Amino acid sequence: MPVYIACMAKDTNTSFEHELKRLEKRVDALVRVCDRLQDENRSLKQRQDTLTAERANLLQKNEQVRARVEAMIGRLKAMEQGS
């Protein structure tokens, strides 16, 4: 193999290895981003579940309070009419 061709092959090989390492670093970075996003997504889903449960609880309490207030108003009206 002539020296010129050997140098070209070596340069091409070096360039290919350099590009391969660069791509490997990018893939590793993407894997880290995906892992972080999966963790964040899991955390957000747990938070959403917690908030949904809290909201349901507050709605139930609100309904109970509304019923009690309506009952009190009914008793007050009955007291007014009885006087």
N, C-alpha and C. Protein backbone atom coordinates (compact mmCIF):
# COMPACT_ATOMS: atom_id res chain seq x y z
N MET A 1 0.86 -1.18 0.00
CA MET A 1 0.00 0.00 0.00
C MET A 1 0.90 1.23 0.00
N PRO A 2 0.67 2.13 -0.91
CA PRO A 2 1.48 3.34 -0.93
C PRO A 2 1.27 4.15 0.34
N VAL A 3 2.27 4.95 0.69
CA VAL A 3 2.24 5.75 1.91
C VAL A 3 1.06 6.72 1.90
N TYR A 4 0.78 7.32 0.77
CA TYR A 4 -0.32 8.28 0.67
C TYR A 4 -1.66 7.63 1.03
N ILE A 5 -1.89 6.46 0.50
CA ILE A 5 -3.15 5.75 0.77
C ILE A 5 -3.21 5.33 2.23
N ALA A 6 -2.08 4.91 2.77
CA ALA A 6 -2.04 4.51 4.18
C ALA A 6 -2.35 5.71 5.08
N CYS A 7 -1.84 6.88 4.76
CA CYS A 7 -2.11 8.09 5.54
C CYS A 7 -3.59 8.48 5.44
N MET A 8 -4.14 8.35 4.23
CA MET A 8 -5.56 8.67 4.06
C MET A 8 -6.43 7.71 4.87
N ALA A 9 -6.07 6.44 4.83
CA ALA A 9 -6.83 5.44 5.58
C ALA A 9 -6.73 5.73 7.07
N LYS A 10 -5.54 6.10 7.52
CA LYS A 10 -5.34 6.41 8.94
C LYS A 10 -6.14 7.65 9.33
N ASP A 11 -6.11 8.69 8.48
CA ASP A 11 -6.88 9.90 8.75
C ASP A 11 -8.38 9.61 8.77
N THR A 12 -8.82 8.80 7.83
CA THR A 12 -10.23 8.44 7.76
C THR A 12 -10.64 7.65 9.00
N ASN A 13 -9.78 6.72 9.39
CA ASN A 13 -10.05 5.90 10.57
C ASN A 13 -10.09 6.78 11.82
N THR A 14 -9.12 7.70 11.95
CA THR A 14 -9.07 8.60 13.10
C THR A 14 -10.30 9.50 13.11
N SER A 15 -10.68 10.01 11.96
CA SER A 15 -11.85 10.86 11.86
C SER A 15 -13.11 10.06 12.24
N PHE A 16 -13.20 8.83 11.77
CA PHE A 16 -14.34 7.98 12.10
C PHE A 16 -14.41 7.72 13.60
N GLU A 17 -13.26 7.42 14.21
CA GLU A 17 -13.23 7.17 15.66
C GLU A 17 -13.61 8.43 16.43
N HIS A 18 -13.13 9.56 15.98
CA HIS A 18 -13.47 10.83 16.62
C HIS A 18 -14.98 11.06 16.55
N GLU A 19 -15.55 10.86 15.37
CA GLU A 19 -16.99 11.05 15.18
C GLU A 19 -17.78 10.05 16.02
N LEU A 20 -17.31 8.84 16.10
CA LEU A 20 -17.97 7.80 16.89
C LEU A 20 -17.97 8.18 18.38
N LYS A 21 -16.85 8.69 18.87
CA LYS A 21 -16.77 9.11 20.28
C LYS A 21 -17.68 10.30 20.54
N ARG A 22 -17.74 11.21 19.57
CA ARG A 22 -18.62 12.36 19.71
C ARG A 22 -20.09 11.91 19.79
N LEU A 23 -20.45 10.99 18.93
CA LEU A 23 -21.81 10.47 18.94
C LEU A 23 -22.10 9.70 20.23
N GLU A 24 -21.11 8.97 20.70
CA GLU A 24 -21.27 8.23 21.96
C GLU A 24 -21.54 9.18 23.12
N LYS A 25 -20.82 10.29 23.16
CA LYS A 25 -21.04 11.29 24.21
C LYS A 25 -22.44 11.89 24.10
N ARG A 26 -22.90 12.14 22.89
CA ARG A 26 -24.25 12.70 22.70
C ARG A 26 -25.32 11.70 23.14
N VAL A 27 -25.11 10.43 22.80
CA VAL A 27 -26.07 9.39 23.21
C VAL A 27 -26.09 9.28 24.73
N ASP A 28 -24.92 9.30 25.35
CA ASP A 28 -24.86 9.25 26.82
C ASP A 28 -25.60 10.44 27.44
N ALA A 29 -25.42 11.62 26.85
CA ALA A 29 -26.11 12.81 27.35
C ALA A 29 -27.62 12.65 27.19
N LEU A 30 -28.06 12.11 26.07
CA LEU A 30 -29.49 11.89 25.85
C LEU A 30 -30.06 10.86 26.84
N VAL A 31 -29.29 9.84 27.13
CA VAL A 31 -29.73 8.83 28.11
C VAL A 31 -29.90 9.49 29.48
N ARG A 32 -28.95 10.34 29.85
CA ARG A 32 -29.06 11.04 31.14
C ARG A 32 -30.30 11.95 31.17
N VAL A 33 -30.55 12.65 30.07
CA VAL A 33 -31.74 13.51 29.99
C VAL A 33 -33.00 12.66 30.11
N CYS A 34 -33.05 11.55 29.40
CA CYS A 34 -34.22 10.66 29.47
C CYS A 34 -34.43 10.14 30.89
N ASP A 35 -33.36 9.74 31.55
CA ASP A 35 -33.48 9.26 32.93
C ASP A 35 -34.02 10.36 33.84
N ARG A 36 -33.49 11.56 33.67
CA ARG A 36 -33.94 12.68 34.49
C ARG A 36 -35.41 12.99 34.22
N LEU A 37 -35.80 12.97 32.95
CA LEU A 37 -37.19 13.25 32.61
C LEU A 37 -38.13 12.16 33.12
N GLN A 38 -37.69 10.91 33.09
CA GLN A 38 -38.52 9.84 33.64
C GLN A 38 -38.72 10.02 35.14
N ASP A 39 -37.65 10.37 35.85
CA ASP A 39 -37.76 10.63 37.29
C ASP A 39 -38.70 11.80 37.56
N GLU A 40 -38.54 12.86 36.78
CA GLU A 40 -39.38 14.04 36.95
C GLU A 40 -40.84 13.71 36.63
N ASN A 41 -41.06 12.93 35.58
CA ASN A 41 -42.41 12.54 35.21
C ASN A 41 -43.06 11.70 36.30
N ARG A 42 -42.31 10.77 36.85
CA ARG A 42 -42.82 9.93 37.94
C ARG A 42 -43.19 10.81 39.15
N SER A 43 -42.33 11.74 39.47
CA SER A 43 -42.58 12.64 40.59
C SER A 43 -43.82 13.50 40.34
N LEU A 44 -43.95 14.02 39.12
CA LEU A 44 -45.11 14.85 38.79
C LEU A 44 -46.40 14.04 38.84
N LYS A 45 -46.36 12.79 38.39
CA LYS A 45 -47.55 11.94 38.46
C LYS A 45 -47.95 11.68 39.91
N GLN A 46 -46.96 11.44 40.77
CA GLN A 46 -47.26 11.23 42.19
C GLN A 46 -47.86 12.50 42.79
N ARG A 47 -47.30 13.65 42.43
CA ARG A 47 -47.81 14.93 42.94
C ARG A 47 -49.23 15.16 42.45
N GLN A 48 -49.48 14.84 41.19
CA GLN A 48 -50.82 15.01 40.63
C GLN A 48 -51.82 14.10 41.37
N ASP A 49 -51.43 12.86 41.63
CA ASP A 49 -52.30 11.95 42.37
C ASP A 49 -52.62 12.50 43.76
N THR A 50 -51.59 13.03 44.42
CA THR A 50 -51.79 13.61 45.75
C THR A 50 -52.74 14.80 45.69
N LEU A 51 -52.52 15.68 44.73
CA LEU A 51 -53.37 16.87 44.60
C LEU A 51 -54.80 16.48 44.22
N THR A 52 -54.96 15.47 43.40
CA THR A 52 -56.30 15.01 43.03
C THR A 52 -57.03 14.48 44.25
N ALA A 53 -56.32 13.71 45.08
CA ALA A 53 -56.93 13.18 46.30
C ALA A 53 -57.29 14.32 47.26
N GLU A 54 -56.39 15.29 47.41
CA GLU A 54 -56.66 16.44 48.28
C GLU A 54 -57.86 17.22 47.78
N ARG A 55 -57.95 17.40 46.48
CA ARG A 55 -59.08 18.14 45.89
C ARG A 55 -60.39 17.40 46.17
N ALA A 56 -60.39 16.10 45.98
CA ALA A 56 -61.61 15.32 46.25
C ALA A 56 -62.01 15.45 47.71
N ASN A 57 -61.03 15.41 48.60
CA ASN A 57 -61.30 15.55 50.03
C ASN A 57 -61.88 16.93 50.34
N LEU A 58 -61.29 17.97 49.75
CA LEU A 58 -61.79 19.33 49.98
C LEU A 58 -63.20 19.51 49.41
N LEU A 59 -63.47 18.93 48.26
CA LEU A 59 -64.81 19.02 47.70
C LEU A 59 -65.84 18.35 48.60
N GLN A 60 -65.44 17.21 49.17
CA GLN A 60 -66.34 16.50 50.08
C GLN A 60 -66.59 17.33 51.34
N LYS A 61 -65.53 17.91 51.89
CA LYS A 61 -65.69 18.76 53.08
C LYS A 61 -66.54 19.98 52.76
N ASN A 62 -66.33 20.56 51.60
CA ASN A 62 -67.11 21.73 51.18
C ASN A 62 -68.59 21.37 51.10
N GLU A 63 -68.88 20.22 50.55
CA GLU A 63 -70.27 19.78 50.45
C GLU A 63 -70.88 19.55 51.83
N GLN A 64 -70.09 19.00 52.75
CA GLN A 64 -70.58 18.80 54.12
C GLN A 64 -70.88 20.13 54.80
N VAL A 65 -69.98 21.09 54.61
CA VAL A 65 -70.18 22.41 55.20
C VAL A 65 -71.41 23.08 54.60
N ARG A 66 -71.57 22.96 53.28
CA ARG A 66 -72.73 23.54 52.62
C ARG A 66 -74.03 22.95 53.20
N ALA A 67 -74.05 21.64 53.39
CA ALA A 67 -75.24 20.99 53.95
C ALA A 67 -75.52 21.48 55.37
N ARG A 68 -74.46 21.63 56.16
CA ARG A 68 -74.64 22.12 57.54
C ARG A 68 -75.17 23.54 57.55
N VAL A 69 -74.62 24.41 56.67
CA VAL A 69 -75.07 25.80 56.61
C VAL A 69 -76.53 25.85 56.17
N GLU A 70 -76.87 25.07 55.16
CA GLU A 70 -78.26 25.04 54.71
C GLU A 70 -79.19 24.56 55.82
N ALA A 71 -78.74 23.58 56.59
CA ALA A 71 -79.55 23.08 57.71
C ALA A 71 -79.72 24.18 58.77
N MET A 72 -78.65 24.91 59.05
CA MET A 72 -78.74 26.01 60.02
C MET A 72 -79.70 27.09 59.53
N ILE A 73 -79.61 27.42 58.26
CA ILE A 73 -80.50 28.43 57.69
C ILE A 73 -81.95 27.95 57.81
N GLY A 74 -82.15 26.68 57.53
CA GLY A 74 -83.50 26.12 57.65
C GLY A 74 -84.01 26.21 59.09
N ARG A 75 -83.16 25.92 60.05
CA ARG A 75 -83.56 26.01 61.46
C ARG A 75 -83.84 27.47 61.86
N LEU A 76 -83.00 28.38 61.38
CA LEU A 76 -83.23 29.81 61.69
C LEU A 76 -84.55 30.29 61.11
N LYS A 77 -84.84 29.89 59.88
CA LYS A 77 -86.12 30.29 59.26
C LYS A 77 -87.30 29.70 60.06
N ALA A 78 -87.13 28.44 60.50
CA ALA A 78 -88.19 27.81 61.29
C ALA A 78 -88.37 28.52 62.62
N MET A 79 -87.27 28.97 63.21
CA MET A 79 -87.35 29.71 64.49
C MET A 79 -88.05 31.06 64.27
N GLU A 80 -87.73 31.73 63.13
CA GLU A 80 -88.37 33.02 62.84
C GLU A 80 -89.87 32.85 62.67
N GLN A 81 -90.24 31.80 61.97
CA GLN A 81 -91.66 31.58 61.71
C GLN A 81 -92.41 31.15 62.99
N GLY A 82 -91.67 30.54 63.89
CA GLY A 82 -92.28 30.10 65.14
C GLY A 82 -92.46 31.21 66.14
N SER A 83 -91.75 32.30 65.96
CA SER A 83 -91.85 33.40 66.95
C SER A 83 -93.02 34.27 66.75
